[in-house]
Protein backbone atom coordinates (compact mmCIF):
# COMPACT_ATOMS: atom_id res chain seq x y z
CA UNK A 1 2.82 -12.16 15.00
CA UNK A 2 0.33 -14.51 13.76
CA UNK A 3 3.00 -17.28 13.92
CA UNK A 4 3.53 -16.76 17.65
CA UNK A 5 6.12 -14.03 17.39
CA UNK A 6 6.41 -11.22 19.77
CA UNK A 7 6.16 -7.72 18.47
CA UNK A 8 9.76 -7.24 18.83
CA UNK A 9 10.58 -10.38 17.08
CA UNK A 10 8.38 -9.52 14.13
CA UNK A 11 9.97 -6.09 13.86
CA UNK A 12 13.45 -7.81 13.87
CA UNK A 13 12.49 -9.94 11.17
CA UNK A 14 11.05 -7.15 8.95
CA UNK A 15 14.02 -5.12 9.48
CA UNK A 16 16.24 -8.08 8.28
CA UNK A 17 14.15 -8.17 5.10
CA UNK A 18 14.37 -4.48 4.54
CA UNK A 19 18.11 -4.78 5.09
CA UNK A 20 18.42 -7.83 2.61
CA UNK A 21 16.04 -6.60 -0.14
CA UNK A 22 15.73 -2.78 0.20
CA UNK A 23 12.05 -2.91 1.34
CA UNK A 24 9.63 -5.64 2.45
CA UNK A 25 5.78 -5.97 2.40
CA UNK A 26 3.55 -6.20 5.47
CA UNK A 27 0.39 -7.97 5.05
CA UNK A 28 -2.56 -7.31 7.23
CA UNK A 29 -5.37 -9.89 7.22
CA UNK A 30 -8.91 -9.06 7.31
CA UNK A 31 -11.30 -9.24 10.32
CA UNK A 32 -15.00 -8.78 10.88
CA UNK A 33 -14.66 -4.89 10.41
CA UNK A 34 -11.51 -4.35 8.11
CA UNK A 35 -10.69 -5.74 4.56
CA UNK A 36 -7.21 -7.24 3.88
CA UNK A 37 -4.65 -4.64 3.04
CA UNK A 38 -0.64 -4.66 2.51
CA UNK A 39 1.92 -1.98 2.55
CA UNK A 40 5.63 -1.61 1.94
CA UNK A 41 8.13 -1.06 4.73
CA UNK A 42 11.53 0.56 3.76
CA UNK A 43 10.94 3.09 1.07
CA UNK A 44 11.12 5.87 3.58
CA UNK A 45 14.95 5.13 3.70
CA UNK A 46 15.09 6.10 0.02
CA UNK A 47 13.01 9.33 0.52
CA UNK A 48 10.08 7.67 -0.99
CA UNK A 49 6.54 7.38 0.23
CA UNK A 50 5.55 3.87 1.38
CA UNK A 51 2.79 2.26 -0.76
CA UNK A 52 -0.47 0.90 0.34
CA UNK A 53 -3.05 -1.33 -1.32
CA UNK A 54 -6.31 -2.45 0.34
CA UNK A 55 -8.89 -5.03 -0.52
CA UNK A 56 -6.67 -6.92 -2.95
CA UNK A 57 -5.80 -10.62 -2.89
CA UNK A 58 -2.46 -11.29 -0.94
CA UNK A 59 -0.49 -12.37 -4.28
CA UNK A 60 -1.78 -9.69 -6.38
CA UNK A 61 -1.04 -6.98 -3.70
CA UNK A 62 2.45 -8.37 -3.18
CA UNK A 63 3.23 -8.25 -7.01
CA UNK A 64 1.75 -4.64 -7.42
CA UNK A 65 3.58 -3.27 -4.25
CA UNK A 66 6.99 -4.88 -5.18
CA UNK A 67 6.81 -3.80 -8.92
CA UNK A 68 5.81 -0.17 -7.87
CA UNK A 69 8.44 0.07 -5.08
CA UNK A 70 11.14 -1.37 -7.56
CA UNK A 71 10.09 1.34 -10.06
CA UNK A 72 10.42 4.03 -7.42
CA UNK A 73 13.58 2.84 -5.64
CA UNK A 74 15.49 1.58 -8.67
CA UNK A 75 14.41 3.59 -11.61
CA UNK A 76 13.10 6.89 -10.10
CA UNK A 77 9.66 6.19 -11.35
CA UNK A 78 7.86 7.93 -8.58
CA UNK A 79 4.09 7.84 -7.78
CA UNK A 80 2.29 11.14 -7.61
CA UNK A 81 -1.05 11.69 -6.01
CA UNK A 82 -3.60 11.97 -8.65
CA UNK A 83 -1.64 9.98 -11.10
CA UNK A 84 -3.49 7.42 -13.02
CA UNK A 85 -2.04 4.27 -14.96
CA UNK A 86 -2.85 0.83 -16.21
CA UNK A 87 -1.20 -2.26 -15.26
CA UNK A 88 -0.05 -4.90 -18.04
CA UNK A 89 -3.18 -6.89 -17.24
CA UNK A 90 -5.38 -3.79 -18.08
CA UNK A 91 -6.17 -2.97 -14.21
CA UNK A 92 -6.51 0.86 -13.68
CA UNK A 93 -4.83 2.34 -10.77
CA UNK A 94 -5.12 5.93 -9.11
CA UNK A 95 -2.57 7.18 -6.74
CA UNK A 96 -4.08 8.64 -3.48
CA UNK A 97 -1.85 10.33 -0.65
CA UNK A 98 -2.63 8.75 2.84
CA UNK A 99 -3.90 11.36 5.35
CA UNK A 100 -2.45 9.60 8.30
CA UNK A 101 0.18 7.04 7.47
CA UNK A 102 1.16 6.82 11.19
CA UNK A 103 -2.18 5.19 11.90
CA UNK A 104 -2.10 2.67 9.13
CA UNK A 105 1.62 1.90 8.69
CA UNK A 106 2.55 0.84 12.14
CA UNK A 107 5.49 -1.30 11.25
CA UNK A 108 6.98 1.30 8.75
CA UNK A 109 6.68 3.97 11.41
CA UNK A 110 8.26 1.54 13.99
CA UNK A 111 11.27 0.80 11.80
CA UNK A 112 11.76 4.61 10.87
CA UNK A 113 11.84 6.32 14.37
CA UNK A 114 12.05 10.12 14.23
CA UNK A 115 11.50 10.19 10.50
CA UNK A 116 8.27 11.44 8.82
CA UNK A 117 6.64 8.44 7.04
CA UNK A 118 4.56 9.33 4.03
CA UNK A 119 2.52 7.03 1.98
CA UNK A 120 0.60 6.71 -1.15
CA UNK A 121 -2.44 4.23 -1.71
CA UNK A 122 -2.61 2.42 -5.15
CA UNK A 123 -6.43 2.39 -5.43
CA UNK A 124 -7.67 0.02 -8.13
CA UNK A 125 -10.71 -0.09 -10.52
CA UNK A 126 -12.85 -3.09 -10.57
CA UNK A 127 -13.09 -5.26 -13.70
CA UNK A 128 -15.65 -2.79 -15.28
CA UNK A 129 -13.27 0.16 -14.70
CA UNK A 130 -15.27 1.62 -11.70
CA UNK A 131 -13.51 3.11 -8.75
CA UNK A 132 -14.34 2.38 -5.03
CA UNK A 133 -15.78 5.82 -4.72
CA UNK A 134 -18.57 4.93 -7.32
CA UNK A 135 -21.88 3.42 -6.28
CA UNK A 136 -21.52 1.01 -8.96
CA UNK A 137 -18.16 -0.37 -7.82
CA UNK A 138 -18.35 -4.21 -8.14
CA UNK A 139 -17.52 -5.43 -4.67
CA UNK A 140 -18.78 -5.36 -1.15
CA UNK A 141 -19.19 -1.97 0.23
CA UNK A 142 -16.05 -1.06 2.22
CA UNK A 143 -14.02 -3.77 0.36
CA UNK A 144 -11.55 -1.16 -0.78
CA UNK A 145 -11.28 1.72 1.76
CA UNK A 146 -9.47 4.72 0.34
CA UNK A 147 -7.30 6.15 3.14
CA UNK A 148 -7.06 9.70 1.94
CA UNK A 149 -8.50 12.48 -0.31
CA UNK A 150 -8.28 12.14 -3.96
CA UNK A 151 -6.12 14.59 -5.83
CA UNK A 152 -8.30 14.14 -8.98
CA UNK A 153 -12.01 14.52 -9.07
CA UNK A 154 -14.35 12.83 -11.46
CA UNK A 155 -14.77 9.38 -12.95
């Protein structure tokens, strides 16, 4: 909609991307209160949770979401709350289930009327391996909001 589109036009464009590719990525730009974030749209049709990442640069977020969506939709490599794994670049990820996907994933909810939209956040550790719930996380406070309760406690 930043390009002058109406909400209806933006939804039609997103729906066309989902039809063509199986899913799409919705980016949400930061403002004075919120950090940047991105999420998938279309995984619900596969019975999968949509995926969310907060506080990550656009290109990195896009790649992480696409790779993870591809694994789930094409190879049955599903994310599970509490799961931890490392990316090829060494970055660590923990999966957190969103408490209220309907609040955070407006486009996904709009394109799946009448369906329950679930979502998993891909929470990333900083370059020192610290998670955003650590006081020593390297980044401005609130740079990576975690949108649900953790299934794993500790480090």
